[in-house]
Amino acid sequence: MGKTVQEVMNQMDDYMNISTPLAHSSKRKYVKVIRLFLLSNGMQFDSTDINRFITEKNKTKNCYNYKYAFKYFLESIGHKKMYEDLRGVKKKPRKKVFKYVSKEIMGNIINRLPSRYRHMALIQLKTGTRFIEMATTRAENIDFNKDPDLIYIALGAGLSRTKGDKGRIGMIHRKYEWVFTKLMKKPFGYIFLDPKCENYGEDRLETTLDTMKRYYNKELQQAGEYYGVDNLSSHYLRHLFADYFLLAGGTIESLKEVMGHVKIDTTLGYVSVGETIALKTLKAMG
């Protein structure tokens, strides 16, 4: 290809930033896979070399993610069709079951969390934000004056992060203003992350967020198990927000916008209260 490894990696990184909605964590993972491949196999390669690399990695892990990294790499260097010749056995993932949990039980679970994670869980449950959006919420992006009943949060603005770096607005009821008042030590900066994170590079910030998410999910899981809720996590809270939103009278179409989904099918996958809503509607009909 006549280019150095770094030049090829920069080309791939530029392609992913411009042409894909990938989250930073996914981009970082795929870049690592390709860098490892190029360094171990050199700059001359074909589908045989890539398949050999994927097969070796599949000895202990699911190789699908390794294969998927090559999708963006091959597209970025103009060999999109080569991806179709690659092997890769995608193991059928164990489908997680997200069951409806009452607000009362969730209130008990949240109160059982350490104070730092208690506030994070409460905001997520009431806004439907993703972990990355909630964890990088910034004081200067919170608007208390736009609406008398709601607090507006600009997600993906400035150093705030969101999936695919697409900015959107999160909203939470005014009665939770006390949470932000307690968390906001200054009128600017992250409200959950240590102030020194302001000066972190992308990789170090990603590592910090990964560590926070791991401990956060561990605390959620333990608190959930105490009340009989299995596999509770930050993503589970997003599913519960969707349920609560619909039970309060919201529509699927408006839920799609609130959650920042591109396709309505994605939103439908978050809902687990269809039968409950149907029964509630039938009873209201008399």
Protein backbone atom coordinates (compact mmCIF):
# COMPACT_ATOMS: atom_id res chain seq x y z
CA MET A 1 0.00 0.00 0.00
CA GLY A 2 3.05 2.25 0.24
CA LYS A 3 2.01 3.70 3.60
CA THR A 4 3.18 3.31 7.16
CA VAL A 5 1.05 1.61 9.81
CA GLN A 6 0.33 4.98 11.41
CA GLU A 7 -0.75 6.53 8.12
CA VAL A 8 -3.14 3.65 7.46
CA MET A 9 -4.51 3.86 11.00
CA ASN A 10 -5.06 7.60 10.62
CA GLN A 11 -6.90 6.97 7.35
CA MET A 12 -9.13 4.39 9.05
CA ASP A 13 -9.75 6.69 12.01
CA ASP A 14 -10.76 9.55 9.71
CA TYR A 15 -13.10 7.24 7.81
CA MET A 16 -14.81 6.03 11.01
CA ASN A 17 -15.21 9.56 12.36
CA ILE A 18 -16.82 10.82 9.15
CA SER A 19 -18.71 7.81 7.80
CA THR A 20 -19.94 5.83 10.82
CA PRO A 21 -22.06 6.43 13.93
CA LEU A 22 -19.78 4.26 16.07
CA ALA A 23 -19.29 5.05 19.73
CA HIS A 24 -15.78 6.01 20.86
CA SER A 25 -15.35 2.72 22.72
CA SER A 26 -16.14 0.73 19.56
CA LYS A 27 -13.79 2.81 17.43
CA ARG A 28 -11.00 2.35 19.93
CA LYS A 29 -11.55 -1.42 20.02
CA TYR A 30 -11.52 -1.77 16.23
CA VAL A 31 -8.43 0.42 15.86
CA LYS A 32 -6.57 -1.82 18.34
CA VAL A 33 -7.55 -4.95 16.38
CA ILE A 34 -6.33 -3.53 13.06
CA ARG A 35 -3.14 -2.11 14.53
CA LEU A 36 -2.33 -5.53 16.01
CA PHE A 37 -3.00 -7.19 12.66
CA LEU A 38 -0.84 -4.77 10.68
CA LEU A 39 2.04 -4.98 13.12
CA SER A 40 1.96 -8.80 13.21
CA ASN A 41 1.33 -9.38 9.48
CA GLY A 42 3.00 -6.44 7.80
CA MET A 43 1.50 -4.08 5.27
CA GLN A 44 1.08 -6.68 2.51
CA PHE A 45 -1.96 -8.89 3.07
CA ASP A 46 -4.95 -10.59 1.48
CA SER A 47 -8.14 -12.27 2.73
CA THR A 48 -6.15 -15.42 3.60
CA ASP A 49 -3.93 -13.47 5.98
CA ILE A 50 -6.94 -11.80 7.59
CA ASN A 51 -8.84 -15.08 7.97
CA ARG A 52 -5.80 -16.66 9.60
CA PHE A 53 -5.62 -13.77 12.06
CA ILE A 54 -9.35 -14.01 12.84
CA THR A 55 -9.16 -17.79 13.30
CA GLU A 56 -6.28 -17.48 15.76
CA LYS A 57 -8.20 -14.93 17.81
CA ASN A 58 -11.26 -17.17 17.78
CA LYS A 59 -9.49 -19.90 19.74
CA THR A 60 -10.57 -18.32 23.02
CA LYS A 61 -12.95 -15.54 21.99
CA ASN A 62 -15.85 -14.83 19.66
CA CYS A 63 -14.15 -13.83 16.42
CA TYR A 64 -17.09 -11.82 15.09
CA ASN A 65 -15.85 -8.60 16.66
CA TYR A 66 -12.43 -9.17 15.14
CA LYS A 67 -14.00 -9.69 11.75
CA TYR A 68 -16.21 -6.63 12.11
CA ALA A 69 -13.18 -4.41 12.72
CA PHE A 70 -11.99 -5.29 9.23
CA LYS A 71 -15.23 -4.01 7.74
CA TYR A 72 -14.25 -0.40 8.48
CA PHE A 73 -10.59 -0.98 7.76
CA LEU A 74 -11.20 -2.46 4.28
CA GLU A 75 -13.75 0.23 3.46
CA SER A 76 -11.30 2.96 4.46
CA ILE A 77 -8.58 1.63 2.10
CA GLY A 78 -10.97 1.00 -0.81
CA HIS A 79 -11.31 -2.81 -0.53
CA LYS A 80 -14.92 -3.04 0.62
CA LYS A 81 -15.67 -6.23 -1.34
CA MET A 82 -12.88 -8.14 0.37
CA TYR A 83 -14.93 -8.13 3.59
CA GLU A 84 -17.43 -10.51 1.98
CA ASP A 85 -14.68 -13.14 1.62
CA LEU A 86 -13.83 -13.13 5.30
CA ARG A 87 -14.84 -15.90 7.64
CA GLY A 88 -16.13 -15.39 11.12
CA VAL A 89 -18.53 -17.40 13.20
CA LYS A 90 -20.89 -15.18 15.11
CA LYS A 91 -21.93 -16.95 18.26
CA LYS A 92 -25.57 -16.54 19.08
CA PRO A 93 -25.57 -14.08 21.97
CA ARG A 94 -27.46 -14.88 25.11
CA LYS A 95 -30.45 -12.61 24.95
CA LYS A 96 -30.78 -10.46 28.04
CA VAL A 97 -34.25 -10.30 29.49
CA PHE A 98 -35.38 -6.86 30.61
CA LYS A 99 -38.42 -7.22 32.82
CA TYR A 100 -40.59 -4.45 34.13
CA VAL A 101 -39.65 -3.32 37.64
CA SER A 102 -42.05 -1.14 39.62
CA LYS A 103 -41.07 2.39 40.60
CA GLU A 104 -41.34 1.43 44.26
CA ILE A 105 -38.80 -1.37 43.95
CA MET A 106 -36.51 0.80 41.84
CA GLY A 107 -36.69 3.50 44.49
CA ASN A 108 -35.53 0.96 47.09
CA ILE A 109 -32.73 -0.25 44.82
CA ILE A 110 -31.46 3.27 44.13
CA ASN A 111 -31.50 4.13 47.85
CA ARG A 112 -29.33 1.08 48.49
CA LEU A 113 -26.58 2.36 46.17
CA PRO A 114 -23.57 4.37 47.40
CA SER A 115 -24.34 8.11 47.13
CA ARG A 116 -22.18 8.67 44.04
CA TYR A 117 -23.96 5.97 42.05
CA ARG A 118 -27.34 6.76 43.59
CA HIS A 119 -27.44 10.13 41.84
CA MET A 120 -26.21 8.64 38.57
CA ALA A 121 -28.91 5.96 38.62
CA LEU A 122 -31.65 8.44 39.48
CA ILE A 123 -30.76 10.75 36.60
CA GLN A 124 -30.52 7.85 34.15
CA LEU A 125 -33.85 6.42 35.25
CA LYS A 126 -35.59 9.79 34.89
CA THR A 127 -34.00 10.87 31.59
CA GLY A 128 -33.37 7.64 29.68
CA THR A 129 -29.81 8.73 28.95
CA ARG A 130 -27.06 6.28 28.05
CA PHE A 131 -24.24 5.79 30.54
CA ILE A 132 -21.76 7.79 28.46
CA GLU A 133 -24.23 10.69 28.19
CA MET A 134 -24.99 10.76 31.88
CA ALA A 135 -21.38 10.26 33.05
CA THR A 136 -20.08 13.17 30.94
CA THR A 137 -22.91 15.58 31.77
CA ARG A 138 -21.49 19.08 32.24
CA ALA A 139 -22.72 21.91 34.44
CA GLU A 140 -22.63 24.51 31.66
CA ASN A 141 -24.92 22.30 29.54
CA ILE A 142 -27.73 22.27 32.10
CA ASP A 143 -30.47 24.85 31.54
CA PHE A 144 -32.74 25.59 34.51
CA ASN A 145 -34.50 28.55 32.88
CA LYS A 146 -35.94 27.28 29.60
CA ASP A 147 -39.06 25.65 31.07
CA PRO A 148 -40.79 26.11 34.44
CA ASP A 149 -41.45 22.37 34.77
CA LEU A 150 -38.42 20.77 33.11
CA ILE A 151 -34.64 20.97 33.28
CA TYR A 152 -32.92 20.74 29.88
CA ILE A 153 -29.56 18.99 29.46
CA ALA A 154 -27.53 19.44 26.27
CA LEU A 155 -25.98 16.03 25.53
CA GLY A 156 -22.99 15.76 23.23
CA ALA A 157 -22.22 19.49 23.53
CA GLY A 158 -18.66 20.62 24.13
CA LEU A 159 -16.77 17.92 26.05
CA SER A 160 -19.99 16.05 26.77
CA ARG A 161 -20.31 12.73 24.95
CA THR A 162 -23.09 10.82 23.28
CA LYS A 163 -23.33 7.81 20.99
CA GLY A 164 -21.96 8.67 17.58
CA ASP A 165 -21.17 12.17 18.86
CA LYS A 166 -24.64 13.30 17.83
CA GLY A 167 -25.91 16.06 20.08
CA ARG A 168 -29.41 15.91 21.52
CA ILE A 169 -31.41 17.22 24.46
CA GLY A 170 -32.23 15.32 27.63
CA MET A 171 -34.99 16.48 29.97
CA ILE A 172 -35.85 15.82 33.58
CA HIS A 173 -38.64 17.08 35.85
CA ARG A 174 -37.99 20.24 37.84
CA LYS A 175 -38.48 18.41 41.14
CA TYR A 176 -35.05 16.80 40.65
CA GLU A 177 -33.25 20.13 40.62
CA TRP A 178 -31.92 19.32 44.09
CA VAL A 179 -29.83 16.50 42.59
CA PHE A 180 -28.00 18.85 40.24
CA THR A 181 -27.64 21.52 42.93
CA LYS A 182 -25.92 18.95 45.11
CA LEU A 183 -23.64 17.73 42.33
CA MET A 184 -22.65 21.05 40.76
CA LYS A 185 -19.67 22.44 42.61
CA LYS A 186 -18.93 24.96 39.83
CA PRO A 187 -20.94 26.49 36.97
CA PHE A 188 -18.84 24.53 34.48
CA GLY A 189 -17.16 21.13 34.14
CA TYR A 190 -18.20 17.51 34.60
CA ILE A 191 -20.61 16.89 37.47
CA PHE A 192 -19.71 13.20 37.96
CA LEU A 193 -16.09 12.98 36.80
CA ASP A 194 -13.09 14.25 38.74
CA PRO A 195 -12.05 17.79 37.64
CA LYS A 196 -8.68 16.46 36.49
CA CYS A 197 -10.50 14.56 33.73
CA GLU A 198 -10.88 17.92 31.98
CA ASN A 199 -7.26 17.61 30.89
CA TYR A 200 -7.32 13.91 29.95
CA GLY A 201 -6.66 12.78 26.41
CA GLU A 202 -9.27 10.62 24.67
CA ASP A 203 -7.69 7.26 25.56
CA ARG A 204 -7.25 8.10 29.23
CA LEU A 205 -10.78 9.47 29.48
CA GLU A 206 -12.14 6.30 27.84
CA THR A 207 -10.27 4.17 30.37
CA THR A 208 -11.67 6.26 33.23
CA LEU A 209 -15.22 5.92 31.89
CA ASP A 210 -14.82 2.17 31.35
CA THR A 211 -13.66 1.74 34.96
CA MET A 212 -16.53 3.88 36.28
CA LYS A 213 -19.08 1.92 34.25
CA ARG A 214 -17.73 -1.41 35.51
CA TYR A 215 -18.01 -0.41 39.18
CA TYR A 216 -21.35 1.31 38.61
CA ASN A 217 -22.86 -1.79 36.99
CA LYS A 218 -21.45 -3.97 39.76
CA GLU A 219 -23.19 -1.85 42.40
CA LEU A 220 -26.44 -1.86 40.40
CA GLN A 221 -26.32 -5.63 40.00
CA GLN A 222 -25.74 -6.24 43.70
CA ALA A 223 -28.49 -3.81 44.75
CA GLY A 224 -30.85 -5.34 42.20
CA GLU A 225 -30.22 -8.89 43.38
CA TYR A 226 -31.11 -7.84 46.93
CA TYR A 227 -34.61 -7.01 45.65
CA GLY A 228 -34.88 -9.93 43.25
CA VAL A 229 -33.98 -8.09 40.02
CA ASP A 230 -31.42 -9.97 37.94
CA ASN A 231 -28.72 -8.38 35.77
CA LEU A 232 -29.58 -4.78 36.65
CA SER A 233 -27.24 -2.41 34.83
CA SER A 234 -27.02 1.12 33.46
CA HIS A 235 -28.52 -0.14 30.19
CA TYR A 236 -31.37 -1.80 32.10
CA LEU A 237 -32.24 1.64 33.54
CA ARG A 238 -32.68 2.92 29.99
CA HIS A 239 -35.16 0.11 29.31
CA LEU A 240 -37.08 0.95 32.47
CA PHE A 241 -37.27 4.61 31.48
CA ALA A 242 -38.92 3.51 28.22
CA ASP A 243 -41.49 1.47 30.17
CA TYR A 244 -42.27 4.29 32.59
CA PHE A 245 -42.56 6.80 29.72
CA LEU A 246 -45.17 4.70 27.91
CA LEU A 247 -47.10 3.88 31.08
CA ALA A 248 -47.30 7.62 31.77
CA GLY A 249 -49.06 8.09 28.45
CA GLY A 250 -46.18 8.72 26.04
CA THR A 251 -46.18 7.36 22.50
CA ILE A 252 -43.58 5.19 20.77
CA GLU A 253 -42.90 7.99 18.29
CA SER A 254 -42.14 10.54 21.02
CA LEU A 255 -40.13 7.94 22.97
CA LYS A 256 -37.96 7.42 19.88
CA GLU A 257 -37.05 11.11 19.87
CA VAL A 258 -36.45 11.28 23.62
CA MET A 259 -34.10 8.28 23.55
CA GLY A 260 -32.18 9.48 20.51
CA HIS A 261 -32.94 6.50 18.28
CA VAL A 262 -32.69 6.64 14.50
CA LYS A 263 -35.12 3.78 13.82
CA ILE A 264 -38.46 3.07 15.48
CA ASP A 265 -37.60 -0.66 15.51
CA THR A 266 -34.78 0.10 17.94
CA THR A 267 -37.22 1.86 20.26
CA LEU A 268 -39.68 -1.04 20.11
CA GLY A 269 -36.90 -3.33 21.33
CA TYR A 270 -36.75 -1.36 24.58
CA VAL A 271 -40.39 -1.83 25.50
CA SER A 272 -41.49 -4.64 27.81
CA VAL A 273 -44.86 -3.32 28.98
CA GLY A 274 -46.95 -3.81 25.86
CA GLU A 275 -49.38 -6.17 27.59
CA THR A 276 -49.58 -3.92 30.65
CA ILE A 277 -50.44 -0.90 28.48
CA ALA A 278 -53.03 -2.90 26.56
CA LEU A 279 -54.77 -3.99 29.78
CA LYS A 280 -54.65 -0.44 31.14
CA THR A 281 -56.25 0.90 27.94
CA LEU A 282 -58.97 -1.76 27.91
CA LYS A 283 -59.90 -1.02 31.52
CA ALA A 284 -60.02 2.72 30.79
CA MET A 285 -62.40 2.03 27.89
CA GLY A 286 -64.90 0.50 30.33
